[in-house]
């Protein structure tokens, strides 16, 4: 089954810290929902832009999208 990477974009001077903190909440959500797949992370793309992400199975994407409101998504390899 394909996996989908849900992505939240953060911009500005606090982008890195915000993305790092957002990942904590994503992990908490996975624990609360008892979701088996536990792939999360954050990436600092430059000093003014960072992302946080969560990977879900394609069949669960709509549920997570509606609950968490990511900015975008892409197929996860």
C-alpha atoms as a PDB file:
ATOM      1  CA  UNK A   1       0.000   0.000   0.000  1.00  0.00           C
ATOM      2  CA  UNK A   2       1.226   3.495  -0.841  1.00  0.00           C
ATOM      3  CA  UNK A   3       2.110   5.862   1.932  1.00  0.00           C
ATOM      4  CA  UNK A   4       1.349   9.589   1.938  1.00  0.00           C
ATOM      5  CA  UNK A   5       3.510  12.249   3.593  1.00  0.00           C
ATOM      6  CA  UNK A   6       1.335  15.009   5.065  1.00  0.00           C
ATOM      7  CA  UNK A   7       3.317  18.252   5.325  1.00  0.00           C
ATOM      8  CA  UNK A   8       3.007  21.459   7.330  1.00  0.00           C
ATOM      9  CA  UNK A   9       5.064  24.440   6.141  1.00  0.00           C
ATOM     10  CA  UNK A  10       6.490  27.010   8.560  1.00  0.00           C
ATOM     11  CA  UNK A  11       8.174  30.241   7.513  1.00  0.00           C
ATOM     12  CA  UNK A  12       9.956  33.018   9.349  1.00  0.00           C
ATOM     13  CA  UNK A  13      12.645  33.294  11.990  1.00  0.00           C
ATOM     14  CA  UNK A  14      10.898  30.809  14.297  1.00  0.00           C
ATOM     15  CA  UNK A  15      10.204  28.250  11.539  1.00  0.00           C
ATOM     16  CA  UNK A  16      12.671  25.618  12.793  1.00  0.00           C
ATOM     17  CA  UNK A  17      11.462  25.723  16.401  1.00  0.00           C
ATOM     18  CA  UNK A  18       7.824  25.754  15.301  1.00  0.00           C
ATOM     19  CA  UNK A  19       8.289  22.727  13.044  1.00  0.00           C
ATOM     20  CA  UNK A  20      10.160  20.876  15.785  1.00  0.00           C
ATOM     21  CA  UNK A  21       7.366  21.619  18.265  1.00  0.00           C
ATOM     22  CA  UNK A  22       4.655  20.672  15.762  1.00  0.00           C
ATOM     23  CA  UNK A  23       6.227  17.221  15.415  1.00  0.00           C
ATOM     24  CA  UNK A  24       5.672  16.671  19.150  1.00  0.00           C
ATOM     25  CA  UNK A  25       1.951  17.225  18.657  1.00  0.00           C
ATOM     26  CA  UNK A  26       1.892  14.884  15.657  1.00  0.00           C
ATOM     27  CA  UNK A  27       3.483  12.138  17.770  1.00  0.00           C
ATOM     28  CA  UNK A  28       0.949  12.754  20.538  1.00  0.00           C
ATOM     29  CA  UNK A  29      -1.883  12.481  18.015  1.00  0.00           C
ATOM     30  CA  UNK A  30      -0.547   9.126  16.761  1.00  0.00           C
ATOM     31  CA  UNK A  31      -0.407   7.822  20.332  1.00  0.00           C
ATOM     32  CA  UNK A  32      -3.932   9.016  21.086  1.00  0.00           C
ATOM     33  CA  UNK A  33      -5.273   7.393  17.920  1.00  0.00           C
ATOM     34  CA  UNK A  34      -3.182   4.231  18.490  1.00  0.00           C
ATOM     35  CA  UNK A  35      -2.021   4.415  14.889  1.00  0.00           C
ATOM     36  CA  UNK A  36       0.469   1.662  14.012  1.00  0.00           C
ATOM     37  CA  UNK A  37       2.625   3.672  11.593  1.00  0.00           C
ATOM     38  CA  UNK A  38       4.778   6.119  13.547  1.00  0.00           C
ATOM     39  CA  UNK A  39       6.769   8.051  10.943  1.00  0.00           C
ATOM     40  CA  UNK A  40       7.060  11.752  11.779  1.00  0.00           C
ATOM     41  CA  UNK A  41       9.766  14.338  11.493  1.00  0.00           C
ATOM     42  CA  UNK A  42      10.797  17.869  10.778  1.00  0.00           C
ATOM     43  CA  UNK A  43      13.281  19.313   8.316  1.00  0.00           C
ATOM     44  CA  UNK A  44      14.972  22.686   8.326  1.00  0.00           C
ATOM     45  CA  UNK A  45      15.207  23.700   4.680  1.00  0.00           C
ATOM     46  CA  UNK A  46      16.846  27.069   5.338  1.00  0.00           C
ATOM     47  CA  UNK A  47      16.927  29.630   8.157  1.00  0.00           C
ATOM     48  CA  UNK A  48      13.469  30.944   7.238  1.00  0.00           C
ATOM     49  CA  UNK A  49      11.681  27.759   6.136  1.00  0.00           C
ATOM     50  CA  UNK A  50      11.036  24.416   7.834  1.00  0.00           C
ATOM     51  CA  UNK A  51       8.500  21.623   7.578  1.00  0.00           C
ATOM     52  CA  UNK A  52       6.952  19.081   9.909  1.00  0.00           C
ATOM     53  CA  UNK A  53       5.544  15.864   8.485  1.00  0.00           C
ATOM     54  CA  UNK A  54       3.567  12.728   9.236  1.00  0.00           C
ATOM     55  CA  UNK A  55       3.375   9.609   7.066  1.00  0.00           C
ATOM     56  CA  UNK A  56       0.108   7.670   6.818  1.00  0.00           C
ATOM     57  CA  UNK A  57      -1.199   4.854   4.683  1.00  0.00           C
ATOM     58  CA  UNK A  58      -3.119   6.051   1.645  1.00  0.00           C
ATOM     59  CA  UNK A  59      -6.365   4.491   2.901  1.00  0.00           C
ATOM     60  CA  UNK A  60      -6.162   6.670   6.051  1.00  0.00           C
ATOM     61  CA  UNK A  61      -5.119   9.907   4.336  1.00  0.00           C
ATOM     62  CA  UNK A  62      -8.585  11.526   4.194  1.00  0.00           C
ATOM     63  CA  UNK A  63      -9.190  10.912   7.902  1.00  0.00           C
ATOM     64  CA  UNK A  64      -5.854  12.417   8.914  1.00  0.00           C
ATOM     65  CA  UNK A  65      -6.171  15.273   6.426  1.00  0.00           C
ATOM     66  CA  UNK A  66      -9.564  16.272   7.785  1.00  0.00           C
ATOM     67  CA  UNK A  67      -8.457  16.004  11.419  1.00  0.00           C
ATOM     68  CA  UNK A  68      -5.052  17.685  11.156  1.00  0.00           C
ATOM     69  CA  UNK A  69      -5.355  20.121   8.213  1.00  0.00           C
ATOM     70  CA  UNK A  70      -1.905  19.722   6.631  1.00  0.00           C
ATOM     71  CA  UNK A  71      -0.799  22.325   4.105  1.00  0.00           C
ATOM     72  CA  UNK A  72       0.020  19.732   1.451  1.00  0.00           C
ATOM     73  CA  UNK A  73       0.891  16.108   0.843  1.00  0.00           C
ATOM     74  CA  UNK A  74       3.009  13.921  -1.397  1.00  0.00           C
ATOM     75  CA  UNK A  75       3.647  10.242  -2.029  1.00  0.00           C
ATOM     76  CA  UNK A  76       6.186   8.902   0.464  1.00  0.00           C
ATOM     77  CA  UNK A  77       8.930   6.623  -0.863  1.00  0.00           C
END
